[in-house]
Amino acid sequence: MPLPVPDFWQFTLPEFHTCLLTDDGSLTTNRLAKLLSEEGWQVVVLSFPQSIVMERPPLPQGVNRVALANFSEEHLQQQLAIISETYGLIGAFIHLHPEHKVCDSKSEKSILKSVFLLAKHLKRSLNQVAQTGRSYFLTVARLDGEFGLGATIDFSAISGGLFGLTKTLNLEWEGVFCRAIDLSPELNAEASANFIMAELHDPNSLILEVAYNSQGRVTLASQTACIA
């Protein structure tokens, strides 16, 4: 069902807190990091092993990159600890999932598993920040901009697991703003970054999943709800 453009709640992360943004290997990472930085957010980009996501677009000035050497849980924990100690407690997490043409299904499954592990190890910091302000867990997939229900774009269903994870965390992490976003691959980097920023600033925490395509902003609803 169609959704109106979200309201805009103006705020920033509390001082000395970090926004962790994963790198999908596209210009969307650069554009989103730039927009967040311009709002005063401290952004750290987490890049996946280059054997998995080869492209690493340049980052805006003031945005630091931390690169994963592998997907082991121990290594992931170490890098998260370094980020927190160096830049500040992680108060927001945004995962940009690579398009399926960027990596094969095995690599994509490894990325998805790493996001589950990131959620596990970010639980404490995100919930801690939520006690004094707004904290975030956002996942961004590139299905078809219709939650995989369209029939015009070829996509991998693997990243659909991000929606289940995000909705589950919303139930378990009462104070954390959780949202899953599906962006049509046809959207350019500028539009994609702007749509993600709009969702970040949405004061409505009841919406859990949103998609964007050429027709605009939509969400899923039961047939009964649509009729009502």
Protein backbone atom coordinates (compact mmCIF):
# COMPACT_ATOMS: atom_id res chain seq x y z
CA MET A 1 0.00 0.00 0.00
CA PRO A 2 1.22 3.57 -0.71
CA LEU A 3 2.71 5.63 2.10
CA PRO A 4 3.02 9.41 2.31
CA VAL A 5 6.42 11.06 2.56
CA PRO A 6 7.52 10.67 6.21
CA ASP A 7 7.54 13.58 8.62
CA PHE A 8 10.99 14.91 9.47
CA TRP A 9 12.20 14.77 13.06
CA GLN A 10 15.31 16.92 13.39
CA PHE A 11 17.92 15.44 15.73
CA THR A 12 21.48 14.13 15.86
CA LEU A 13 23.15 11.27 17.66
CA PRO A 14 24.34 12.17 21.17
CA GLU A 15 27.85 13.58 21.30
CA PHE A 16 30.71 11.07 21.12
CA HIS A 17 28.47 8.39 19.64
CA THR A 18 29.15 6.71 16.31
CA CYS A 19 27.06 5.71 13.33
CA LEU A 20 28.38 2.48 11.81
CA LEU A 21 27.61 2.20 8.09
CA THR A 22 28.43 -0.88 6.04
CA ASP A 23 29.83 -0.40 2.55
CA ASP A 24 27.87 -1.96 -0.32
CA GLY A 25 30.57 -1.05 -2.83
CA SER A 26 28.42 1.57 -4.55
CA LEU A 27 28.29 5.37 -4.55
CA THR A 28 25.31 5.15 -2.18
CA THR A 29 27.80 4.57 0.65
CA ASN A 30 29.60 7.80 -0.22
CA ARG A 31 26.42 9.84 -0.61
CA LEU A 32 24.85 8.58 2.61
CA ALA A 33 28.04 9.07 4.64
CA LYS A 34 28.23 12.64 3.30
CA LEU A 35 24.64 13.45 4.26
CA LEU A 36 25.07 12.00 7.74
CA SER A 37 28.34 13.90 8.27
CA GLU A 38 26.74 17.16 7.15
CA GLU A 39 24.16 16.69 9.90
CA GLY A 40 26.92 16.38 12.49
CA TRP A 41 26.95 12.59 12.78
CA GLN A 42 30.25 10.82 13.37
CA VAL A 43 30.32 8.14 10.68
CA VAL A 44 32.56 5.08 10.42
CA VAL A 45 32.27 2.90 7.33
CA LEU A 46 32.72 -0.84 7.77
CA SER A 47 33.94 -2.49 4.56
CA PHE A 48 33.56 -6.19 3.90
CA PRO A 49 36.59 -8.23 2.75
CA GLN A 50 37.69 -7.02 -0.67
CA SER A 51 37.50 -10.57 -1.98
CA ILE A 52 33.72 -10.31 -1.40
CA VAL A 53 32.97 -6.68 -2.29
CA MET A 54 35.76 -5.48 -4.54
CA GLU A 55 34.74 -1.85 -5.04
CA ARG A 56 35.46 0.66 -2.28
CA PRO A 57 34.31 4.12 -3.37
CA PRO A 58 36.20 7.06 -1.83
CA LEU A 59 34.69 8.41 1.36
CA PRO A 60 33.90 12.03 2.23
CA GLN A 61 36.43 13.97 4.26
CA GLY A 62 36.19 13.19 7.96
CA VAL A 63 34.64 9.74 7.45
CA ASN A 64 36.87 6.84 8.47
CA ARG A 65 36.91 3.34 7.09
CA VAL A 66 37.47 0.07 8.96
CA ALA A 67 37.98 -2.96 6.72
CA LEU A 68 37.17 -6.52 7.67
CA ALA A 69 39.84 -9.07 6.79
CA ASN A 70 37.44 -12.00 7.19
CA PHE A 71 33.98 -12.89 8.49
CA SER A 72 34.95 -14.69 11.70
CA GLU A 73 32.98 -13.68 14.77
CA GLU A 74 36.16 -13.09 16.75
CA HIS A 75 37.53 -10.68 14.14
CA LEU A 76 34.20 -8.88 13.94
CA GLN A 77 34.16 -8.43 17.71
CA GLN A 78 37.68 -7.06 17.67
CA GLN A 79 36.86 -4.49 15.00
CA LEU A 80 33.72 -3.35 16.82
CA ALA A 81 35.74 -2.92 20.02
CA ILE A 82 38.35 -0.86 18.17
CA ILE A 83 35.65 1.34 16.63
CA SER A 84 33.99 1.99 20.00
CA GLU A 85 37.29 2.73 21.73
CA THR A 86 38.56 4.98 18.94
CA TYR A 87 35.45 6.85 17.84
CA GLY A 88 32.84 6.36 20.55
CA LEU A 89 29.96 4.09 21.48
CA ILE A 90 28.01 2.87 18.45
CA GLY A 91 24.55 4.41 18.61
CA ALA A 92 23.36 3.74 15.07
CA PHE A 93 23.88 0.91 12.60
CA ILE A 94 22.94 1.09 8.92
CA HIS A 95 23.57 -1.92 6.71
CA LEU A 96 23.71 -1.32 2.95
CA HIS A 97 23.39 -4.73 1.31
CA PRO A 98 25.20 -5.12 -2.03
CA GLU A 99 23.16 -5.78 -5.14
CA HIS A 100 23.14 -9.46 -6.06
CA LYS A 101 25.18 -8.78 -9.21
CA VAL A 102 28.08 -7.58 -7.02
CA CYS A 103 28.71 -10.94 -5.35
CA ASP A 104 27.67 -14.57 -5.73
CA SER A 105 25.15 -16.32 -3.50
CA LYS A 106 27.80 -17.84 -1.23
CA SER A 107 29.35 -14.42 -0.58
CA GLU A 108 25.94 -12.88 -0.07
CA LYS A 109 25.09 -15.50 2.56
CA SER A 110 28.36 -14.65 4.34
CA ILE A 111 27.40 -10.97 4.40
CA LEU A 112 23.93 -11.79 5.72
CA LYS A 113 25.42 -13.96 8.46
CA SER A 114 27.79 -11.13 9.42
CA VAL A 115 24.82 -8.78 9.85
CA PHE A 116 23.24 -11.25 12.27
CA LEU A 117 26.54 -11.33 14.19
CA LEU A 118 26.75 -7.54 14.14
CA ALA A 119 23.28 -7.39 15.66
CA LYS A 120 24.36 -9.80 18.37
CA HIS A 121 27.38 -7.71 19.34
CA LEU A 122 25.70 -4.31 18.93
CA LYS A 123 22.83 -5.21 21.22
CA ARG A 124 24.41 -3.73 24.34
CA SER A 125 25.59 -0.42 22.84
CA LEU A 126 22.43 0.30 20.82
CA ASN A 127 20.17 -0.39 23.78
CA GLN A 128 22.42 1.66 26.06
CA VAL A 129 22.24 4.67 23.75
CA ALA A 130 18.47 4.22 23.50
CA GLN A 131 18.18 5.01 27.22
CA THR A 132 19.29 8.61 26.66
CA GLY A 133 18.28 9.26 23.04
CA ARG A 134 17.36 7.64 19.77
CA SER A 135 19.40 4.72 18.49
CA TYR A 136 19.03 2.87 15.22
CA PHE A 137 19.22 -0.47 13.47
CA LEU A 138 18.46 -0.07 9.76
CA THR A 139 18.93 -2.58 6.97
CA VAL A 140 18.76 -1.65 3.30
CA ALA A 141 18.23 -4.34 0.64
CA ARG A 142 18.08 -4.03 -3.14
CA LEU A 143 15.27 -6.40 -4.09
CA ASP A 144 12.88 -4.69 -6.49
CA GLY A 145 11.42 -1.82 -4.46
CA GLU A 146 8.31 -3.97 -3.92
CA PHE A 147 9.52 -6.40 -1.24
CA GLY A 148 10.21 -8.98 -3.93
CA LEU A 149 6.59 -9.04 -5.08
CA GLY A 150 7.19 -7.39 -8.44
CA ALA A 151 7.87 -9.32 -11.62
CA THR A 152 10.05 -6.93 -13.57
CA ILE A 153 13.46 -6.99 -11.82
CA ASP A 154 15.76 -9.97 -11.30
CA PHE A 155 17.00 -10.15 -7.70
CA SER A 156 18.39 -12.54 -5.12
CA ALA A 157 16.04 -13.55 -2.31
CA ILE A 158 18.90 -14.03 0.17
CA SER A 159 18.81 -10.45 1.40
CA GLY A 160 15.15 -10.94 2.26
CA GLY A 161 16.48 -12.36 5.53
CA LEU A 162 17.27 -8.80 6.58
CA PHE A 163 13.56 -8.06 6.92
CA GLY A 164 12.99 -10.96 9.31
CA LEU A 165 16.01 -9.97 11.39
CA THR A 166 15.00 -6.32 11.62
CA LYS A 167 11.41 -7.08 12.59
CA THR A 168 12.57 -9.58 15.22
CA LEU A 169 14.96 -7.04 16.76
CA ASN A 170 12.13 -4.52 16.86
CA LEU A 171 10.25 -6.89 19.15
CA GLU A 172 13.27 -7.58 21.35
CA TRP A 173 14.87 -4.10 21.48
CA GLU A 174 12.03 -1.93 22.70
CA GLY A 175 13.93 1.37 22.69
CA VAL A 176 15.82 0.99 19.40
CA PHE A 177 14.37 2.36 16.16
CA CYS A 178 14.39 -0.60 13.75
CA ARG A 179 13.45 -0.42 10.09
CA ALA A 180 14.04 -2.52 6.97
CA ILE A 181 14.14 -0.77 3.61
CA ASP A 182 13.90 -2.18 0.10
CA LEU A 183 15.27 0.14 -2.60
CA SER A 184 14.70 -0.56 -6.25
CA PRO A 185 18.05 -1.16 -8.02
CA GLU A 186 16.87 1.38 -10.59
CA LEU A 187 17.24 4.22 -8.06
CA ASN A 188 20.51 6.17 -8.31
CA ALA A 189 22.89 6.80 -5.41
CA GLU A 190 21.60 10.31 -4.70
CA ALA A 191 17.96 9.25 -4.51
CA SER A 192 18.83 6.15 -2.46
CA ALA A 193 20.76 8.16 0.14
CA ASN A 194 17.98 10.74 0.41
CA PHE A 195 15.33 8.06 0.93
CA ILE A 196 17.40 6.40 3.67
CA MET A 197 17.85 9.77 5.39
CA ALA A 198 14.10 10.33 5.24
CA GLU A 199 13.48 7.01 6.99
CA LEU A 200 16.10 7.79 9.65
CA HIS A 201 14.23 10.97 10.55
CA ASP A 202 10.75 9.46 10.51
CA PRO A 203 9.15 9.94 13.95
CA ASN A 204 6.74 7.05 13.30
CA SER A 205 8.29 3.97 14.88
CA LEU A 206 5.26 1.75 14.11
CA ILE A 207 6.26 1.21 10.48
CA LEU A 208 8.81 -1.60 10.26
CA GLU A 209 9.39 -2.04 6.54
CA VAL A 210 9.35 0.43 3.68
CA ALA A 211 10.10 0.13 -0.03
CA TYR A 212 10.88 2.73 -2.68
CA ASN A 213 10.44 2.40 -6.43
CA SER A 214 9.45 4.60 -9.35
CA GLN A 215 5.93 4.80 -7.91
CA GLY A 216 7.10 6.19 -4.58
CA ARG A 217 7.04 4.94 -0.99
CA VAL A 218 5.12 1.78 -0.04
CA THR A 219 4.76 -0.75 2.75
CA LEU A 220 3.09 -4.12 3.22
CA ALA A 221 -0.38 -4.51 4.67
CA SER A 222 -2.88 -7.35 4.95
CA GLN A 223 -5.74 -7.41 2.48
CA THR A 224 -8.20 -6.81 5.33
CA ALA A 225 -6.29 -3.70 6.43
CA CYS A 226 -6.29 -2.37 2.86
CA ILE A 227 -10.06 -2.86 2.54
CA ALA A 228 -10.67 -1.21 5.90
